[in-house]
Amino acid sequence: MKRIAAAAVLAIVLLPISSYAANVNATVKRALATELGSVNLANSSFADALDYLRDVTGANINVNWKILNNANITKETPVNVKLRSIPMRKALQLILDEAGAATPLTYFIDEGVIEITTREAADAKLITRVYDVSDLIVEIPDFAGPDLNLMTQSNSNSGSGSGSGNSSNIFGGGNSNGNSNKEPAKTATERGNELVSIVTGTIRPEIWEVNGGTATIRYFRGRLIVTAPRSVQEMIGGRGD
């Protein structure tokens, strides 16, 4: 009884926390989607460029300057971006690309805050997420059509009485079973494992354990269980989900 009570209390506590995280992350996503009429950052410092985005969109942006400084990226690193009518998401990525020309930078959303760091530092932290892929591996029934052999044979028997008993179908085939060459249907697990192979072969192949990396992915009963860096999770399920 104590275990049940504890589980119930935990569920009650986690529910509002999960709801809060979803709400604040949705707010950040709206900020990232904000269209900027004009972005004119000519020879601006990296810090000033980020301040501009904060002022225009109201987004919370936090920079891990300690890690960036170790990569020789400072607040004074020059940035040159001049564009019109682009979403804040694109402007931010271009600013990061400018500042991190030698050391790739990335960002992720964490409880309503846009966190900026190096891709290497972000990739060092693995998180686990579960994706429902049951709709991607569902087997589509193969509805059989009419047996054309029987139809043509019936027509020939009702003809002039030639008695030839020719049962070739309208496509010129003989008495062959239409399903004789059909490949056996794959199981859900086989289709799920094929999906795993597609992911590990197309999304950052070097990051997966099967290719010598640290990230793992496996299929289990209609779901993909993925333990990978946040940037990889964003490629699979969407940034900040």
Foldseek 3Di string as FASTA:
>chain_A
DVVVVVVVVVVVVVVVVVVLLVVLLVLQVVLQQDWAFKDFAAFHFLLVSVVVSCVVRVAAEDEPQVQVVVVVQHRRQTFGDTDGGDGNNVSVLNSQCSRQVPFHKDWADDSNYIYIHTVVVLFVAKDKDKAQQLVVLDDDDDDDDDDQLVVVLVVVCPPPNPVPSASQGPVRHGPDDPCPPPDDDDDSQVSQVVVVVVLCVPQPVCQEVVNPHDKYWHDDDRMIITIGGLVSVCVVPNGHD
